[in-house]
Amino acid sequence: MKKELMLAVLLFAGGGSAEFQNREWNIEGLRREAILWIPAETNNPVSVVFVFHGHGGTMQTAVKNFRIHELWPEAVIVYMQGVPTPGKLTDPDGKKSGWQNRSGIHDDRDLKFFDAVFKTLKEEFSSDKNRVYAMGHSNGGAFTYLLWSVRENLFAALAPSGSLNPEALSGIKPAPVLHIAGRTDPLVKYEWQEWMLKNLKIINKCTGESEPWDSAGDLTGTMYKSETGTPLITLIHPGGHEFPKEAPELIVKFFKQHAKAGH
């Protein structure tokens, strides 16, 4: 286990019962990995958060940058590891790790990976089926949108950042979503993300009325109310393609506010 992860165990173990676990799965001959944060108490139903790094990232950097386990130590947090994948905007040769952005490509290896991990969680822990969440930045955000589209009614809420996925829109059903965008993003341009948000408002049946939501640092939150109880929240910052350091706190707050309808 890497030094930083060992330190995190010491900080959050609470007597040694909570821990990080490096886990592996064999998906049709392909070795896949994830770092799991396992809370101290798993006998009662626990919330589950899936976290997806951006193109070229790692599960270790996701632990460091997203810090969801620090802010929600009672939940099971899954920091997934991508595999070499051609990027739509960068890395056309596919030398860096990433995620499929639409169904049917790369033999759906990332969707199969997600399904295998989720199956493991259901077998090993008392996971709360009404409190399953997904988040990701950049290419990881695009994969978050894909999961929303093809794993219907699984997620209580989602939080993509610096991303869009037009191919996923046709399958998306209303669900609470928080989207983070930088106004000067040079890679996934802000106007592209605005187009995505416009479509999400239609899908989520947002009335057009908005009100201020929570904010932190340079992140300004706006909530668009929904007729179906599935609001869209935007967190807009003046920066570029980076994942804002203030974002995790607001994402966890958003997730905690939402369970699947009726729960």
C-alpha atoms as a PDB file:
ATOM      1  CA  MET A   1       0.000   0.000   0.000  1.00  0.00           C
ATOM      2  CA  LYS A   2       1.345   3.417  -0.933  1.00  0.00           C
ATOM      3  CA  LYS A   3       2.586   5.721   1.825  1.00  0.00           C
ATOM      4  CA  GLU A   4      -0.214   8.262   1.436  1.00  0.00           C
ATOM      5  CA  LEU A   5      -2.856   5.550   1.671  1.00  0.00           C
ATOM      6  CA  MET A   6      -1.223   4.071   4.775  1.00  0.00           C
ATOM      7  CA  LEU A   7      -1.319   7.538   6.328  1.00  0.00           C
ATOM      8  CA  ALA A   8      -5.008   7.865   5.503  1.00  0.00           C
ATOM      9  CA  VAL A   9      -5.711   4.553   7.223  1.00  0.00           C
ATOM     10  CA  LEU A  10      -3.958   5.823  10.348  1.00  0.00           C
ATOM     11  CA  LEU A  11      -5.945   9.046  10.245  1.00  0.00           C
ATOM     12  CA  PHE A  12      -9.368   7.523   9.673  1.00  0.00           C
ATOM     13  CA  ALA A  13      -9.161   3.960  10.917  1.00  0.00           C
ATOM     14  CA  GLY A  14     -10.749   4.690  14.292  1.00  0.00           C
ATOM     15  CA  GLY A  15      -9.185   1.724  16.057  1.00  0.00           C
ATOM     16  CA  GLY A  16      -8.163  -0.027  12.851  1.00  0.00           C
ATOM     17  CA  SER A  17     -11.628  -1.077  11.667  1.00  0.00           C
ATOM     18  CA  ALA A  18     -11.948   1.312   8.730  1.00  0.00           C
ATOM     19  CA  GLU A  19      -9.453   0.961   5.922  1.00  0.00           C
ATOM     20  CA  PHE A  20      -8.430   1.329   2.312  1.00  0.00           C
ATOM     21  CA  GLN A  21      -8.330  -1.867   0.272  1.00  0.00           C
ATOM     22  CA  ASN A  22      -6.557  -2.306  -3.059  1.00  0.00           C
ATOM     23  CA  ARG A  23      -8.765  -4.718  -4.996  1.00  0.00           C
ATOM     24  CA  GLU A  24      -8.497  -6.481  -8.370  1.00  0.00           C
ATOM     25  CA  TRP A  25     -11.008  -8.008 -10.779  1.00  0.00           C
ATOM     26  CA  ASN A  26     -10.442 -10.130 -13.883  1.00  0.00           C
ATOM     27  CA  ILE A  27     -12.839  -8.921 -16.554  1.00  0.00           C
ATOM     28  CA  GLU A  28     -12.680 -11.321 -19.495  1.00  0.00           C
ATOM     29  CA  GLY A  29      -8.915 -11.634 -19.122  1.00  0.00           C
ATOM     30  CA  LEU A  30      -8.278  -7.940 -18.417  1.00  0.00           C
ATOM     31  CA  ARG A  31      -6.936  -7.062 -14.964  1.00  0.00           C
ATOM     32  CA  ARG A  32      -8.821  -4.159 -13.416  1.00  0.00           C
ATOM     33  CA  GLU A  33      -8.184  -2.310 -10.161  1.00  0.00           C
ATOM     34  CA  ALA A  34      -9.879  -0.042  -7.659  1.00  0.00           C
ATOM     35  CA  ILE A  35      -9.141   1.395  -4.248  1.00  0.00           C
ATOM     36  CA  LEU A  36     -12.020   0.898  -1.834  1.00  0.00           C
ATOM     37  CA  TRP A  37     -12.587   2.930   1.305  1.00  0.00           C
ATOM     38  CA  ILE A  38     -14.385   0.639   3.728  1.00  0.00           C
ATOM     39  CA  PRO A  39     -15.991   2.435   6.696  1.00  0.00           C
ATOM     40  CA  ALA A  40     -15.923   1.150  10.252  1.00  0.00           C
ATOM     41  CA  GLU A  41     -19.611   0.169  10.225  1.00  0.00           C
ATOM     42  CA  THR A  42     -20.955  -1.903   7.319  1.00  0.00           C
ATOM     43  CA  ASN A  43     -23.606  -4.029   9.040  1.00  0.00           C
ATOM     44  CA  ASN A  44     -26.311  -1.437   8.397  1.00  0.00           C
ATOM     45  CA  PRO A  45     -27.018  -0.258   4.828  1.00  0.00           C
ATOM     46  CA  VAL A  46     -24.236   2.076   3.695  1.00  0.00           C
ATOM     47  CA  SER A  47     -24.108   4.686   0.940  1.00  0.00           C
ATOM     48  CA  VAL A  48     -21.820   3.936  -2.022  1.00  0.00           C
ATOM     49  CA  VAL A  49     -19.934   6.532  -4.100  1.00  0.00           C
ATOM     50  CA  PHE A  50     -18.143   5.624  -7.353  1.00  0.00           C
ATOM     51  CA  VAL A  51     -15.335   8.019  -8.328  1.00  0.00           C
ATOM     52  CA  PHE A  52     -13.766   8.248 -11.817  1.00  0.00           C
ATOM     53  CA  HIS A  53     -10.495  10.064 -12.534  1.00  0.00           C
ATOM     54  CA  GLY A  54      -9.928  12.088 -15.697  1.00  0.00           C
ATOM     55  CA  HIS A  55      -7.997  10.949 -18.776  1.00  0.00           C
ATOM     56  CA  GLY A  56      -4.421  10.221 -17.769  1.00  0.00           C
ATOM     57  CA  GLY A  57      -5.280  10.073 -14.081  1.00  0.00           C
ATOM     58  CA  THR A  58      -5.020   7.241 -11.579  1.00  0.00           C
ATOM     59  CA  MET A  59      -7.026   5.880  -8.697  1.00  0.00           C
ATOM     60  CA  GLN A  60      -4.284   7.159  -6.370  1.00  0.00           C
ATOM     61  CA  THR A  61      -4.586  10.731  -7.628  1.00  0.00           C
ATOM     62  CA  ALA A  62      -8.365  10.418  -7.332  1.00  0.00           C
ATOM     63  CA  VAL A  63      -7.984   9.518  -3.645  1.00  0.00           C
ATOM     64  CA  LYS A  64      -5.804  12.599  -3.151  1.00  0.00           C
ATOM     65  CA  ASN A  65      -7.779  15.096  -5.246  1.00  0.00           C
ATOM     66  CA  PHE A  66     -11.395  14.089  -4.612  1.00  0.00           C
ATOM     67  CA  ARG A  67     -11.040  13.185  -0.889  1.00  0.00           C
ATOM     68  CA  ILE A  68     -14.590  11.853  -0.630  1.00  0.00           C
ATOM     69  CA  HIS A  69     -13.578   9.393   2.102  1.00  0.00           C
ATOM     70  CA  GLU A  70     -12.400  12.282   4.287  1.00  0.00           C
ATOM     71  CA  LEU A  71     -15.698  14.109   3.952  1.00  0.00           C
ATOM     72  CA  TRP A  72     -17.971  11.063   4.114  1.00  0.00           C
ATOM     73  CA  PRO A  73     -16.091   8.379   6.076  1.00  0.00           C
ATOM     74  CA  GLU A  74     -19.335   6.477   6.804  1.00  0.00           C
ATOM     75  CA  ALA A  75     -19.820   5.622   3.097  1.00  0.00           C
ATOM     76  CA  VAL A  76     -18.132   3.025   0.910  1.00  0.00           C
ATOM     77  CA  ILE A  77     -16.046   4.978  -1.611  1.00  0.00           C
ATOM     78  CA  VAL A  78     -14.790   3.294  -4.791  1.00  0.00           C
ATOM     79  CA  TYR A  79     -11.891   4.986  -6.573  1.00  0.00           C
ATOM     80  CA  MET A  80     -11.818   3.186  -9.936  1.00  0.00           C
ATOM     81  CA  GLN A  81      -8.770   2.795 -12.199  1.00  0.00           C
ATOM     82  CA  GLY A  82      -9.080   3.279 -15.944  1.00  0.00           C
ATOM     83  CA  VAL A  83      -7.018   1.538 -18.626  1.00  0.00           C
ATOM     84  CA  PRO A  84      -5.217   2.915 -21.718  1.00  0.00           C
ATOM     85  CA  THR A  85      -7.921   4.521 -23.846  1.00  0.00           C
ATOM     86  CA  PRO A  86      -7.774   6.873 -26.864  1.00  0.00           C
ATOM     87  CA  GLY A  87      -8.906  10.346 -25.856  1.00  0.00           C
ATOM     88  CA  LYS A  88     -11.475  12.249 -27.856  1.00  0.00           C
ATOM     89  CA  LEU A  89      -9.684  15.576 -27.350  1.00  0.00           C
ATOM     90  CA  THR A  90      -6.184  14.418 -26.373  1.00  0.00           C
ATOM     91  CA  ASP A  91      -4.033  11.250 -26.512  1.00  0.00           C
ATOM     92  CA  PRO A  92      -5.386   9.814 -29.798  1.00  0.00           C
ATOM     93  CA  ASP A  93      -2.993   6.851 -29.530  1.00  0.00           C
ATOM     94  CA  GLY A  94      -4.528   5.802 -26.238  1.00  0.00           C
ATOM     95  CA  LYS A  95      -1.358   5.640 -24.170  1.00  0.00           C
ATOM     96  CA  LYS A  96      -2.995   7.042 -21.034  1.00  0.00           C
ATOM     97  CA  SER A  97      -5.686   5.637 -18.783  1.00  0.00           C
ATOM     98  CA  GLY A  98      -9.292   6.614 -19.287  1.00  0.00           C
ATOM     99  CA  TRP A  99     -12.874   5.469 -19.821  1.00  0.00           C
ATOM    100  CA  GLN A 100     -15.193   4.639 -22.708  1.00  0.00           C
ATOM    101  CA  ASN A 101     -17.520   7.531 -23.487  1.00  0.00           C
ATOM    102  CA  ARG A 102     -20.294   5.651 -25.230  1.00  0.00           C
ATOM    103  CA  SER A 103     -21.891   2.236 -25.169  1.00  0.00           C
ATOM    104  CA  GLY A 104     -20.609  -0.470 -27.508  1.00  0.00           C
ATOM    105  CA  ILE A 105     -16.980   0.627 -27.887  1.00  0.00           C
ATOM    106  CA  HIS A 106     -13.897  -1.140 -26.460  1.00  0.00           C
ATOM    107  CA  ASP A 107     -16.114  -4.192 -25.905  1.00  0.00           C
ATOM    108  CA  ASP A 108     -17.860  -2.218 -23.144  1.00  0.00           C
ATOM    109  CA  ARG A 109     -14.922  -3.073 -20.891  1.00  0.00           C
ATOM    110  CA  ASP A 110     -15.537  -0.196 -18.472  1.00  0.00           C
ATOM    111  CA  LEU A 111     -19.252  -0.887 -18.133  1.00  0.00           C
ATOM    112  CA  LYS A 112     -18.424  -4.542 -17.424  1.00  0.00           C
ATOM    113  CA  PHE A 113     -15.844  -3.403 -14.865  1.00  0.00           C
ATOM    114  CA  PHE A 114     -18.386  -1.196 -13.120  1.00  0.00           C
ATOM    115  CA  ASP A 115     -20.942  -4.017 -13.051  1.00  0.00           C
ATOM    116  CA  ALA A 116     -18.401  -6.439 -11.572  1.00  0.00           C
ATOM    117  CA  VAL A 117     -17.394  -4.008  -8.823  1.00  0.00           C
ATOM    118  CA  PHE A 118     -20.992  -3.194  -7.972  1.00  0.00           C
ATOM    119  CA  LYS A 119     -21.794  -6.919  -7.797  1.00  0.00           C
ATOM    120  CA  THR A 120     -18.889  -7.383  -5.365  1.00  0.00           C
ATOM    121  CA  LEU A 121     -20.146  -4.572  -3.146  1.00  0.00           C
ATOM    122  CA  LYS A 122     -23.637  -6.042  -3.002  1.00  0.00           C
ATOM    123  CA  GLU A 123     -22.191  -9.442  -2.061  1.00  0.00           C
ATOM    124  CA  GLU A 124     -19.756  -8.204   0.582  1.00  0.00           C
ATOM    125  CA  PHE A 125     -21.520  -5.241   2.193  1.00  0.00           C
ATOM    126  CA  SER A 126     -24.971  -4.120   3.166  1.00  0.00           C
ATOM    127  CA  SER A 127     -25.091  -1.392   0.535  1.00  0.00           C
ATOM    128  CA  ASP A 128     -28.079   0.945   0.464  1.00  0.00           C
ATOM    129  CA  LYS A 129     -29.690   0.502  -2.966  1.00  0.00           C
ATOM    130  CA  ASN A 130     -31.336   3.906  -2.595  1.00  0.00           C
ATOM    131  CA  ARG A 131     -28.072   5.756  -1.992  1.00  0.00           C
ATOM    132  CA  VAL A 132     -25.684   4.903  -4.827  1.00  0.00           C
ATOM    133  CA  TYR A 133     -23.816   7.839  -6.391  1.00  0.00           C
ATOM    134  CA  ALA A 134     -21.314   8.488  -9.178  1.00  0.00           C
ATOM    135  CA  MET A 135     -18.945  11.348  -9.890  1.00  0.00           C
ATOM    136  CA  GLY A 136     -15.995  12.029 -12.175  1.00  0.00           C
ATOM    137  CA  HIS A 137     -13.922  14.737 -13.778  1.00  0.00           C
ATOM    138  CA  SER A 138     -13.346  15.316 -17.508  1.00  0.00           C
ATOM    139  CA  ASN A 139     -13.315  11.896 -19.225  1.00  0.00           C
ATOM    140  CA  GLY A 140     -14.419  10.462 -15.877  1.00  0.00           C
ATOM    141  CA  GLY A 141     -17.348  12.868 -15.968  1.00  0.00           C
ATOM    142  CA  ALA A 142     -18.261  11.690 -19.462  1.00  0.00           C
ATOM    143  CA  PHE A 143     -18.247   8.117 -18.165  1.00  0.00           C
ATOM    144  CA  THR A 144     -20.456   9.230 -15.276  1.00  0.00           C
ATOM    145  CA  TYR A 145     -22.950  10.516 -17.843  1.00  0.00           C
ATOM    146  CA  LEU A 146     -22.711   7.207 -19.736  1.00  0.00           C
ATOM    147  CA  LEU A 147     -23.473   5.231 -16.573  1.00  0.00           C
ATOM    148  CA  TRP A 148     -26.463   7.473 -15.909  1.00  0.00           C
ATOM    149  CA  SER A 149     -27.697   6.696 -19.413  1.00  0.00           C
ATOM    150  CA  VAL A 150     -27.227   2.907 -19.491  1.00  0.00           C
ATOM    151  CA  ARG A 151     -27.776   1.931 -15.834  1.00  0.00           C
ATOM    152  CA  GLU A 152     -31.260   3.347 -15.534  1.00  0.00           C
ATOM    153  CA  ASN A 153     -32.653   4.103 -12.086  1.00  0.00           C
ATOM    154  CA  LEU A 154     -29.495   2.940 -10.308  1.00  0.00           C
ATOM    155  CA  PHE A 155     -28.145   6.256  -9.047  1.00  0.00           C
ATOM    156  CA  ALA A 156     -29.654   8.539  -6.445  1.00  0.00           C
ATOM    157  CA  ALA A 157     -27.605  11.491  -7.765  1.00  0.00           C
ATOM    158  CA  LEU A 158     -24.589  12.209  -9.968  1.00  0.00           C
ATOM    159  CA  ALA A 159     -21.825  14.830 -10.093  1.00  0.00           C
ATOM    160  CA  PRO A 160     -19.834  15.182 -13.328  1.00  0.00           C
ATOM    161  CA  SER A 161     -17.186  17.902 -13.691  1.00  0.00           C
ATOM    162  CA  GLY A 162     -15.569  19.564 -16.698  1.00  0.00           C
ATOM    163  CA  SER A 163     -17.323  17.229 -19.096  1.00  0.00           C
ATOM    164  CA  LEU A 164     -20.168  16.504 -21.459  1.00  0.00           C
ATOM    165  CA  ASN A 165     -21.507  13.452 -23.272  1.00  0.00           C
ATOM    166  CA  PRO A 166     -23.968  14.167 -26.082  1.00  0.00           C
ATOM    167  CA  GLU A 167     -24.144  10.458 -27.010  1.00  0.00           C
ATOM    168  CA  ALA A 168     -25.550   9.631 -23.567  1.00  0.00           C
ATOM    169  CA  LEU A 169     -28.421  12.118 -23.638  1.00  0.00           C
ATOM    170  CA  SER A 170     -30.908   9.856 -25.414  1.00  0.00           C
ATOM    171  CA  GLY A 171     -30.832   7.311 -22.564  1.00  0.00           C
ATOM    172  CA  ILE A 172     -30.772   9.636 -19.581  1.00  0.00           C
ATOM    173  CA  LYS A 173     -33.833   9.647 -17.310  1.00  0.00           C
ATOM    174  CA  PRO A 174     -34.487  12.356 -14.685  1.00  0.00           C
ATOM    175  CA  ALA A 175     -32.171  12.244 -11.659  1.00  0.00           C
ATOM    176  CA  PRO A 176     -30.596  14.896  -9.432  1.00  0.00           C
ATOM    177  CA  VAL A 177     -27.345  16.079 -10.985  1.00  0.00           C
ATOM    178  CA  LEU A 178     -24.634  18.541 -10.004  1.00  0.00           C
ATOM    179  CA  HIS A 179     -22.387  19.769 -12.818  1.00  0.00           C
ATOM    180  CA  ILE A 180     -19.119  21.680 -12.318  1.00  0.00           C
ATOM    181  CA  ALA A 181     -17.720  23.855 -15.117  1.00  0.00           C
ATOM    182  CA  GLY A 182     -14.957  26.404 -15.600  1.00  0.00           C
ATOM    183  CA  ARG A 183     -15.792  29.478 -17.654  1.00  0.00           C
ATOM    184  CA  THR A 184     -12.328  29.503 -19.279  1.00  0.00           C
ATOM    185  CA  ASP A 185     -11.995  25.739 -19.805  1.00  0.00           C
ATOM    186  CA  PRO A 186      -9.702  25.409 -22.871  1.00  0.00           C
ATOM    187  CA  LEU A 187     -10.354  21.675 -23.344  1.00  0.00           C
ATOM    188  CA  VAL A 188     -14.052  21.052 -22.725  1.00  0.00           C
ATOM    189  CA  LYS A 189     -15.220  24.515 -23.642  1.00  0.00           C
ATOM    190  CA  TYR A 190     -17.753  26.236 -21.423  1.00  0.00           C
ATOM    191  CA  GLU A 191     -20.198  26.794 -24.282  1.00  0.00           C
ATOM    192  CA  TRP A 192     -20.175  23.047 -24.972  1.00  0.00           C
ATOM    193  CA  GLN A 193     -20.990  22.365 -21.334  1.00  0.00           C
ATOM    194  CA  GLU A 194     -23.713  25.027 -21.408  1.00  0.00           C
ATOM    195  CA  TRP A 195     -25.311  23.095 -24.280  1.00  0.00           C
ATOM    196  CA  MET A 196     -25.216  19.939 -22.153  1.00  0.00           C
ATOM    197  CA  LEU A 197     -26.782  21.779 -19.219  1.00  0.00           C
ATOM    198  CA  LYS A 198     -29.551  23.139 -21.436  1.00  0.00           C
ATOM    199  CA  ASN A 199     -30.470  19.573 -22.399  1.00  0.00           C
ATOM    200  CA  LEU A 200     -30.277  18.362 -18.810  1.00  0.00           C
ATOM    201  CA  LYS A 201     -32.769  21.034 -17.776  1.00  0.00           C
ATOM    202  CA  ILE A 202     -35.207  19.629 -20.343  1.00  0.00           C
ATOM    203  CA  ILE A 203     -34.624  16.001 -19.269  1.00  0.00           C
ATOM    204  CA  ASN A 204     -34.982  16.828 -15.572  1.00  0.00           C
ATOM    205  CA  LYS A 205     -38.067  18.954 -16.246  1.00  0.00           C
ATOM    206  CA  CYS A 206     -36.568  22.029 -14.656  1.00  0.00           C
ATOM    207  CA  THR A 207     -39.009  24.906 -14.734  1.00  0.00           C
ATOM    208  CA  GLY A 208     -36.463  27.556 -15.597  1.00  0.00           C
ATOM    209  CA  GLU A 209     -36.699  29.113 -12.151  1.00  0.00           C
ATOM    210  CA  SER A 210     -33.385  29.181 -10.324  1.00  0.00           C
ATOM    211  CA  GLU A 211     -32.131  30.130  -6.910  1.00  0.00           C
ATOM    212  CA  PRO A 212     -28.721  30.432  -5.280  1.00  0.00           C
ATOM    213  CA  TRP A 213     -27.294  27.191  -3.930  1.00  0.00           C
ATOM    214  CA  ASP A 214     -24.312  26.708  -1.653  1.00  0.00           C
ATOM    215  CA  SER A 215     -20.982  28.182  -2.722  1.00  0.00           C
ATOM    216  CA  ALA A 216     -17.348  27.783  -1.696  1.00  0.00           C
ATOM    217  CA  GLY A 217     -14.278  29.699  -2.795  1.00  0.00           C
ATOM    218  CA  ASP A 218     -14.665  30.590  -6.464  1.00  0.00           C
ATOM    219  CA  LEU A 219     -17.472  28.065  -6.952  1.00  0.00           C
ATOM    220  CA  THR A 220     -20.891  29.676  -7.308  1.00  0.00           C
ATOM    221  CA  GLY A 221     -23.844  27.320  -6.936  1.00  0.00           C
ATOM    222  CA  THR A 222     -27.194  27.697  -8.702  1.00  0.00           C
ATOM    223  CA  MET A 223     -30.129  25.301  -8.350  1.00  0.00           C
ATOM    224  CA  TYR A 224     -32.710  24.842 -11.100  1.00  0.00           C
ATOM    225  CA  LYS A 225     -35.883  23.463  -9.549  1.00  0.00           C
ATOM    226  CA  SER A 226     -37.571  20.444 -11.086  1.00  0.00           C
ATOM    227  CA  GLU A 227     -41.179  19.370 -11.457  1.00  0.00           C
ATOM    228  CA  THR A 228     -40.082  15.788 -10.757  1.00  0.00           C
ATOM    229  CA  GLY A 229     -37.886  16.474  -7.719  1.00  0.00           C
ATOM    230  CA  THR A 230     -34.752  16.012  -9.792  1.00  0.00           C
ATOM    231  CA  PRO A 231     -32.993  19.380  -9.694  1.00  0.00           C
ATOM    232  CA  LEU A 232     -29.969  20.465 -11.682  1.00  0.00           C
ATOM    233  CA  ILE A 233     -27.287  22.245  -9.695  1.00  0.00           C
ATOM    234  CA  THR A 234     -24.485  24.064 -11.466  1.00  0.00           C
ATOM    235  CA  LEU A 235     -21.203  24.990  -9.794  1.00  0.00           C
ATOM    236  CA  ILE A 236     -19.461  27.493 -12.050  1.00  0.00           C
ATOM    237  CA  HIS A 237     -15.959  28.829 -11.430  1.00  0.00           C
ATOM    238  CA  PRO A 238     -13.794  31.323 -13.336  1.00  0.00           C
ATOM    239  CA  GLY A 239     -10.966  28.834 -13.948  1.00  0.00           C
ATOM    240  CA  GLY A 240     -10.176  26.331 -16.648  1.00  0.00           C
ATOM    241  CA  HIS A 241     -10.232  22.549 -16.810  1.00  0.00           C
ATOM    242  CA  GLU A 242      -8.947  21.875 -13.285  1.00  0.00           C
ATOM    243  CA  PHE A 243     -11.048  20.156 -10.620  1.00  0.00           C
ATOM    244  CA  PRO A 244     -11.678  22.832  -7.958  1.00  0.00           C
ATOM    245  CA  LYS A 245     -10.326  21.997  -4.505  1.00  0.00           C
ATOM    246  CA  GLU A 246     -13.567  23.246  -2.919  1.00  0.00           C
ATOM    247  CA  ALA A 247     -15.742  20.925  -5.001  1.00  0.00           C
ATOM    248  CA  PRO A 248     -15.633  17.719  -2.905  1.00  0.00           C
ATOM    249  CA  GLU A 249     -17.269  19.337   0.113  1.00  0.00           C
ATOM    250  CA  LEU A 250     -20.175  20.579  -1.997  1.00  0.00           C
ATOM    251  CA  ILE A 251     -20.522  17.283  -3.869  1.00  0.00           C
ATOM    252  CA  VAL A 252     -20.811  15.341  -0.618  1.00  0.00           C
ATOM    253  CA  LYS A 253     -23.386  17.825   0.674  1.00  0.00           C
ATOM    254  CA  PHE A 254     -25.385  17.377  -2.551  1.00  0.00           C
ATOM    255  CA  PHE A 255     -25.221  13.582  -2.400  1.00  0.00           C
ATOM    256  CA  LYS A 256     -26.367  13.504   1.213  1.00  0.00           C
ATOM    257  CA  GLN A 257     -29.414  15.558   0.258  1.00  0.00           C
ATOM    258  CA  HIS A 258     -30.642  12.986  -2.248  1.00  0.00           C
ATOM    259  CA  ALA A 259     -31.833   9.412  -2.066  1.00  0.00           C
ATOM    260  CA  LYS A 260     -33.855   7.663  -4.757  1.00  0.00           C
ATOM    261  CA  ALA A 261     -37.412   8.945  -4.981  1.00  0.00           C
ATOM    262  CA  GLY A 262     -39.604   7.921  -2.067  1.00  0.00           C
ATOM    263  CA  HIS A 263     -36.720   7.173   0.324  1.00  0.00           C
END
